[in-house]
Amino acid sequence: MTQRNDDFIEAAKGELSGMAKEGMHHPSTKPVLTGAAVGAVAGALLPVVSWPIGLAIGAGYMFYKRLRP
């Protein structure tokens, strides 16, 4: 892997660890949960995507945006 990928993975590990330890007090938790909710609603409304897939995509997108704005 390249240095940039290693940095991203380390940042993701640190962010997930912080979210797990601090819960709702961590600054990334609320935006990621909001993205998950929006994705779930969008997935429920779209005929091709189900709500669990929308939830995962929404949470993943917001998590990525927290790491790489």
PDB file of N, CA and C in Angstrom:
ATOM      1  N   MET A   1       0.828  -1.186   0.000  1.00  0.00           N
ATOM      2  CA  MET A   1       0.000   0.000   0.000  1.00  0.00           C
ATOM      3  C   MET A   1       0.868   1.243   0.000  1.00  0.00           C
ATOM      4  N   THR A   2       0.289   2.311  -0.432  1.00  0.00           N
ATOM      5  CA  THR A   2       1.027   3.560  -0.433  1.00  0.00           C
ATOM      6  C   THR A   2       0.907   4.236   0.921  1.00  0.00           C
ATOM      7  N   GLN A   3       1.709   5.248   1.111  1.00  0.00           N
ATOM      8  CA  GLN A   3       1.696   5.987   2.369  1.00  0.00           C
ATOM      9  C   GLN A   3       0.330   6.633   2.602  1.00  0.00           C
ATOM     10  N   ARG A   4      -0.301   7.121   1.545  1.00  0.00           N
ATOM     11  CA  ARG A   4      -1.597   7.791   1.683  1.00  0.00           C
ATOM     12  C   ARG A   4      -2.667   6.806   2.149  1.00  0.00           C
ATOM     13  N   ASN A   5      -2.656   5.587   1.606  1.00  0.00           N
ATOM     14  CA  ASN A   5      -3.620   4.578   2.035  1.00  0.00           C
ATOM     15  C   ASN A   5      -3.384   4.182   3.479  1.00  0.00           C
ATOM     16  N   ASP A   6      -2.124   4.054   3.876  1.00  0.00           N
ATOM     17  CA  ASP A   6      -1.806   3.715   5.257  1.00  0.00           C
ATOM     18  C   ASP A   6      -2.293   4.804   6.210  1.00  0.00           C
ATOM     19  N   ASP A   7      -2.118   6.069   5.812  1.00  0.00           N
ATOM     20  CA  ASP A   7      -2.587   7.178   6.646  1.00  0.00           C
ATOM     21  C   ASP A   7      -4.108   7.147   6.777  1.00  0.00           C
ATOM     22  N   PHE A   8      -4.789   6.867   5.682  1.00  0.00           N
ATOM     23  CA  PHE A   8      -6.251   6.817   5.709  1.00  0.00           C
ATOM     24  C   PHE A   8      -6.730   5.689   6.617  1.00  0.00           C
ATOM     25  N   ILE A   9      -6.100   4.537   6.523  1.00  0.00           N
ATOM     26  CA  ILE A   9      -6.492   3.399   7.356  1.00  0.00           C
ATOM     27  C   ILE A   9      -6.245   3.700   8.824  1.00  0.00           C
ATOM     28  N   GLU A  10      -5.115   4.297   9.128  1.00  0.00           N
ATOM     29  CA  GLU A  10      -4.823   4.656  10.521  1.00  0.00           C
ATOM     30  C   GLU A  10      -5.806   5.694  11.042  1.00  0.00           C
ATOM     31  N   ALA A  11      -6.153   6.672  10.203  1.00  0.00           N
ATOM     32  CA  ALA A  11      -7.133   7.679  10.613  1.00  0.00           C
ATOM     33  C   ALA A  11      -8.504   7.040  10.850  1.00  0.00           C
ATOM     34  N   ALA A  12      -8.886   6.103   9.988  1.00  0.00           N
ATOM     35  CA  ALA A  12     -10.170   5.417  10.153  1.00  0.00           C
ATOM     36  C   ALA A  12     -10.190   4.588  11.433  1.00  0.00           C
ATOM     37  N   LYS A  13      -9.098   3.902  11.718  1.00  0.00           N
ATOM     38  CA  LYS A  13      -9.015   3.123  12.962  1.00  0.00           C
ATOM     39  C   LYS A  13      -9.152   4.030  14.175  1.00  0.00           C
ATOM     40  N   GLY A  14      -8.438   5.129  14.162  1.00  0.00           N
ATOM     41  CA  GLY A  14      -8.499   6.068  15.283  1.00  0.00           C
ATOM     42  C   GLY A  14      -9.880   6.664  15.467  1.00  0.00           C
ATOM     43  N   GLU A  15     -10.509   7.002  14.351  1.00  0.00           N
ATOM     44  CA  GLU A  15     -11.849   7.594  14.401  1.00  0.00           C
ATOM     45  C   GLU A  15     -12.880   6.585  14.913  1.00  0.00           C
ATOM     46  N   LEU A  16     -12.828   5.369  14.409  1.00  0.00           N
ATOM     47  CA  LEU A  16     -13.753   4.335  14.876  1.00  0.00           C
ATOM     48  C   LEU A  16     -13.527   4.013  16.349  1.00  0.00           C
ATOM     49  N   SER A  17     -12.282   3.959  16.758  1.00  0.00           N
ATOM     50  CA  SER A  17     -11.972   3.696  18.158  1.00  0.00           C
ATOM     51  C   SER A  17     -12.517   4.812  19.050  1.00  0.00           C
ATOM     52  N   GLY A  18     -12.327   6.040  18.629  1.00  0.00           N
ATOM     53  CA  GLY A  18     -12.853   7.176  19.389  1.00  0.00           C
ATOM     54  C   GLY A  18     -14.362   7.166  19.460  1.00  0.00           C
ATOM     55  N   MET A  19     -15.011   6.835  18.358  1.00  0.00           N
ATOM     56  CA  MET A  19     -16.466   6.774  18.344  1.00  0.00           C
ATOM     57  C   MET A  19     -16.969   5.659  19.262  1.00  0.00           C
ATOM     58  N   ALA A  20     -16.275   4.537  19.275  1.00  0.00           N
ATOM     59  CA  ALA A  20     -16.684   3.417  20.125  1.00  0.00           C
ATOM     60  C   ALA A  20     -16.494   3.752  21.603  1.00  0.00           C
ATOM     61  N   LYS A  21     -15.411   4.444  21.940  1.00  0.00           N
ATOM     62  CA  LYS A  21     -15.130   4.770  23.340  1.00  0.00           C
ATOM     63  C   LYS A  21     -16.001   5.909  23.858  1.00  0.00           C
ATOM     64  N   GLU A  22     -16.188   6.939  23.050  1.00  0.00           N
ATOM     65  CA  GLU A  22     -16.886   8.128  23.512  1.00  0.00           C
ATOM     66  C   GLU A  22     -18.376   8.121  23.206  1.00  0.00           C
ATOM     67  N   GLY A  23     -18.813   7.258  22.326  1.00  0.00           N
ATOM     68  CA  GLY A  23     -20.239   7.183  21.999  1.00  0.00           C
ATOM     69  C   GLY A  23     -20.744   8.476  21.376  1.00  0.00           C
ATOM     70  N   MET A  24     -21.873   8.952  21.867  1.00  0.00           N
ATOM     71  CA  MET A  24     -22.502  10.146  21.310  1.00  0.00           C
ATOM     72  C   MET A  24     -21.725  11.430  21.612  1.00  0.00           C
ATOM     73  N   HIS A  25     -20.748  11.375  22.489  1.00  0.00           N
ATOM     74  CA  HIS A  25     -19.950  12.560  22.810  1.00  0.00           C
ATOM     75  C   HIS A  25     -18.851  12.809  21.787  1.00  0.00           C
ATOM     76  N   HIS A  26     -18.577  11.838  20.937  1.00  0.00           N
ATOM     77  CA  HIS A  26     -17.542  12.014  19.906  1.00  0.00           C
ATOM     78  C   HIS A  26     -18.108  12.882  18.791  1.00  0.00           C
ATOM     79  N   PRO A  27     -17.319  13.818  18.261  1.00  0.00           N
ATOM     80  CA  PRO A  27     -17.845  14.731  17.234  1.00  0.00           C
ATOM     81  C   PRO A  27     -18.251  14.067  15.923  1.00  0.00           C
ATOM     82  N   SER A  28     -17.803  12.875  15.634  1.00  0.00           N
ATOM     83  CA  SER A  28     -18.161  12.219  14.374  1.00  0.00           C
ATOM     84  C   SER A  28     -19.406  11.342  14.485  1.00  0.00           C
ATOM     85  N   THR A  29     -19.826  11.009  15.678  1.00  0.00           N
ATOM     86  CA  THR A  29     -20.920  10.055  15.835  1.00  0.00           C
ATOM     87  C   THR A  29     -22.226  10.581  15.262  1.00  0.00           C
ATOM     88  N   LYS A  30     -22.601  11.793  15.616  1.00  0.00           N
ATOM     89  CA  LYS A  30     -23.883  12.335  15.169  1.00  0.00           C
ATOM     90  C   LYS A  30     -23.958  12.505  13.649  1.00  0.00           C
ATOM     91  N   PRO A  31     -22.929  13.058  12.991  1.00  0.00           N
ATOM     92  CA  PRO A  31     -23.009  13.158  11.530  1.00  0.00           C
ATOM     93  C   PRO A  31     -23.085  11.791  10.842  1.00  0.00           C
ATOM     94  N   VAL A  32     -22.363  10.809  11.360  1.00  0.00           N
ATOM     95  CA  VAL A  32     -22.394   9.473  10.748  1.00  0.00           C
ATOM     96  C   VAL A  32     -23.772   8.839  10.938  1.00  0.00           C
ATOM     97  N   LEU A  33     -24.361   8.988  12.115  1.00  0.00           N
ATOM     98  CA  LEU A  33     -25.708   8.446  12.341  1.00  0.00           C
ATOM     99  C   LEU A  33     -26.751   9.179  11.501  1.00  0.00           C
ATOM    100  N   THR A  34     -26.579  10.480  11.322  1.00  0.00           N
ATOM    101  CA  THR A  34     -27.488  11.235  10.457  1.00  0.00           C
ATOM    102  C   THR A  34     -27.373  10.754   9.014  1.00  0.00           C
ATOM    103  N   GLY A  35     -26.154  10.538   8.547  1.00  0.00           N
ATOM    104  CA  GLY A  35     -25.960   9.997   7.201  1.00  0.00           C
ATOM    105  C   GLY A  35     -26.577   8.627   7.045  1.00  0.00           C
ATOM    106  N   ALA A  36     -26.485   7.805   8.086  1.00  0.00           N
ATOM    107  CA  ALA A  36     -27.090   6.480   8.051  1.00  0.00           C
ATOM    108  C   ALA A  36     -28.609   6.584   7.947  1.00  0.00           C
ATOM    109  N   ALA A  37     -29.204   7.503   8.702  1.00  0.00           N
ATOM    110  CA  ALA A  37     -30.655   7.678   8.663  1.00  0.00           C
ATOM    111  C   ALA A  37     -31.122   8.179   7.300  1.00  0.00           C
ATOM    112  N   VAL A  38     -30.408   9.156   6.760  1.00  0.00           N
ATOM    113  CA  VAL A  38     -30.768   9.685   5.438  1.00  0.00           C
ATOM    114  C   VAL A  38     -30.621   8.594   4.375  1.00  0.00           C
ATOM    115  N   GLY A  39     -29.555   7.820   4.466  1.00  0.00           N
ATOM    116  CA  GLY A  39     -29.359   6.723   3.520  1.00  0.00           C
ATOM    117  C   GLY A  39     -30.438   5.664   3.625  1.00  0.00           C
ATOM    118  N   ALA A  40     -30.866   5.365   4.852  1.00  0.00           N
ATOM    119  CA  ALA A  40     -31.929   4.371   5.044  1.00  0.00           C
ATOM    120  C   ALA A  40     -33.242   4.848   4.447  1.00  0.00           C
ATOM    121  N   VAL A  41     -33.571   6.115   4.636  1.00  0.00           N
ATOM    122  CA  VAL A  41     -34.800   6.664   4.057  1.00  0.00           C
ATOM    123  C   VAL A  41     -34.713   6.659   2.535  1.00  0.00           C
ATOM    124  N   ALA A  42     -33.573   7.075   2.003  1.00  0.00           N
ATOM    125  CA  ALA A  42     -33.403   7.071   0.549  1.00  0.00           C
ATOM    126  C   ALA A  42     -33.491   5.643   0.009  1.00  0.00           C
ATOM    127  N   GLY A  43     -32.887   4.695   0.720  1.00  0.00           N
ATOM    128  CA  GLY A  43     -32.951   3.302   0.289  1.00  0.00           C
ATOM    129  C   GLY A  43     -34.361   2.747   0.322  1.00  0.00           C
ATOM    130  N   ALA A  44     -35.151   3.185   1.293  1.00  0.00           N
ATOM    131  CA  ALA A  44     -36.538   2.723   1.377  1.00  0.00           C
ATOM    132  C   ALA A  44     -37.382   3.298   0.243  1.00  0.00           C
ATOM    133  N   LEU A  45     -37.047   4.493  -0.205  1.00  0.00           N
ATOM    134  CA  LEU A  45     -37.825   5.140  -1.260  1.00  0.00           C
ATOM    135  C   LEU A  45     -37.426   4.696  -2.666  1.00  0.00           C
ATOM    136  N   LEU A  46     -36.184   4.303  -2.840  1.00  0.00           N
ATOM    137  CA  LEU A  46     -35.715   3.893  -4.165  1.00  0.00           C
ATOM    138  C   LEU A  46     -36.065   2.432  -4.422  1.00  0.00           C
ATOM    139  N   PRO A  47     -36.543   2.130  -5.615  1.00  0.00           N
ATOM    140  CA  PRO A  47     -36.956   0.753  -5.884  1.00  0.00           C
ATOM    141  C   PRO A  47     -35.796  -0.233  -6.045  1.00  0.00           C
ATOM    142  N   VAL A  48     -34.617   0.238  -6.366  1.00  0.00           N
ATOM    143  CA  VAL A  48     -33.487  -0.647  -6.636  1.00  0.00           C
ATOM    144  C   VAL A  48     -32.710  -0.989  -5.368  1.00  0.00           C
ATOM    145  N   VAL A  49     -32.735  -0.091  -4.384  1.00  0.00           N
ATOM    146  CA  VAL A  49     -31.918  -0.230  -3.182  1.00  0.00           C
ATOM    147  C   VAL A  49     -32.829  -0.466  -1.979  1.00  0.00           C
ATOM    148  N   SER A  50     -32.434  -1.363  -1.091  1.00  0.00           N
ATOM    149  CA  SER A  50     -33.212  -1.569   0.131  1.00  0.00           C
ATOM    150  C   SER A  50     -32.658  -0.663   1.234  1.00  0.00           C
ATOM    151  N   TRP A  51     -33.403  -0.535   2.325  1.00  0.00           N
ATOM    152  CA  TRP A  51     -32.983   0.385   3.384  1.00  0.00           C
ATOM    153  C   TRP A  51     -31.677  -0.027   4.060  1.00  0.00           C
ATOM    154  N   PRO A  52     -31.368  -1.325   4.271  1.00  0.00           N
ATOM    155  CA  PRO A  52     -30.078  -1.636   4.893  1.00  0.00           C
ATOM    156  C   PRO A  52     -28.880  -1.211   4.030  1.00  0.00           C
ATOM    157  N   ILE A  53     -29.035  -1.359   2.729  1.00  0.00           N
ATOM    158  CA  ILE A  53     -27.953  -0.933   1.836  1.00  0.00           C
ATOM    159  C   ILE A  53     -27.816   0.583   1.862  1.00  0.00           C
ATOM    160  N   GLY A  54     -28.938   1.287   1.847  1.00  0.00           N
ATOM    161  CA  GLY A  54     -28.913   2.743   1.947  1.00  0.00           C
ATOM    162  C   GLY A  54     -28.312   3.211   3.248  1.00  0.00           C
ATOM    163  N   LEU A  55     -28.629   2.522   4.344  1.00  0.00           N
ATOM    164  CA  LEU A  55     -28.072   2.860   5.645  1.00  0.00           C
ATOM    165  C   LEU A  55     -26.555   2.728   5.630  1.00  0.00           C
ATOM    166  N   ALA A  56     -26.054   1.623   5.104  1.00  0.00           N
ATOM    167  CA  ALA A  56     -24.613   1.387   5.054  1.00  0.00           C
ATOM    168  C   ALA A  56     -23.914   2.408   4.159  1.00  0.00           C
ATOM    169  N   ILE A  57     -24.515   2.713   3.026  1.00  0.00           N
ATOM    170  CA  ILE A  57     -23.911   3.681   2.111  1.00  0.00           C
ATOM    171  C   ILE A  57     -23.903   5.069   2.734  1.00  0.00           C
ATOM    172  N   GLY A  58     -25.010   5.469   3.355  1.00  0.00           N
ATOM    173  CA  GLY A  58     -25.078   6.784   4.000  1.00  0.00           C
ATOM    174  C   GLY A  58     -24.079   6.926   5.129  1.00  0.00           C
ATOM    175  N   ALA A  59     -23.972   5.910   5.979  1.00  0.00           N
ATOM    176  CA  ALA A  59     -23.021   5.958   7.084  1.00  0.00           C
ATOM    177  C   ALA A  59     -21.592   5.959   6.563  1.00  0.00           C
ATOM    178  N   GLY A  60     -21.324   5.128   5.570  1.00  0.00           N
ATOM    179  CA  GLY A  60     -19.979   5.076   4.991  1.00  0.00           C
ATOM    180  C   GLY A  60     -19.571   6.384   4.348  1.00  0.00           C
ATOM    181  N   TYR A  61     -20.501   7.006   3.640  1.00  0.00           N
ATOM    182  CA  TYR A  61     -20.212   8.281   2.993  1.00  0.00           C
ATOM    183  C   TYR A  61     -19.890   9.363   4.025  1.00  0.00           C
ATOM    184  N   MET A  62     -20.700   9.463   5.062  1.00  0.00           N
ATOM    185  CA  MET A  62     -20.457  10.490   6.068  1.00  0.00           C
ATOM    186  C   MET A  62     -19.168  10.214   6.851  1.00  0.00           C
ATOM    187  N   PHE A  63     -18.881   8.940   7.099  1.00  0.00           N
ATOM    188  CA  PHE A  63     -17.633   8.601   7.777  1.00  0.00           C
ATOM    189  C   PHE A  63     -16.448   9.016   6.918  1.00  0.00           C
ATOM    190  N   TYR A  64     -16.527   8.734   5.627  1.00  0.00           N
ATOM    191  CA  TYR A  64     -15.451   9.127   4.708  1.00  0.00           C
ATOM    192  C   TYR A  64     -15.296  10.652   4.683  1.00  0.00           C
ATOM    193  N   LYS A  65     -16.419  11.373   4.639  1.00  0.00           N
ATOM    194  CA  LYS A  65     -16.358  12.838   4.605  1.00  0.00           C
ATOM    195  C   LYS A  65     -15.779  13.405   5.905  1.00  0.00           C
ATOM    196  N   ARG A  66     -15.942  12.701   7.024  1.00  0.00           N
ATOM    197  CA  ARG A  66     -15.340  13.154   8.279  1.00  0.00           C
ATOM    198  C   ARG A  66     -13.812  12.970   8.236  1.00  0.00           C
ATOM    199  N   LEU A  67     -13.363  11.950   7.528  1.00  0.00           N
ATOM    200  CA  LEU A  67     -11.928  11.692   7.434  1.00  0.00           C
ATOM    201  C   LEU A  67     -11.265  12.541   6.354  1.00  0.00           C
ATOM    202  N   ARG A  68     -11.927  12.691   5.233  1.00  0.00           N
ATOM    203  CA  ARG A  68     -11.398  13.449   4.100  1.00  0.00           C
ATOM    204  C   ARG A  68     -12.415  14.499   3.659  1.00  0.00           C
ATOM    205  N   PRO A  69     -12.427  15.652   4.322  1.00  0.00           N
ATOM    206  CA  PRO A  69     -13.427  16.688   3.979  1.00  0.00           C
ATOM    207  C   PRO A  69     -13.264  17.285   2.615  1.00  0.00           C
TER     208      PRO A  69
END
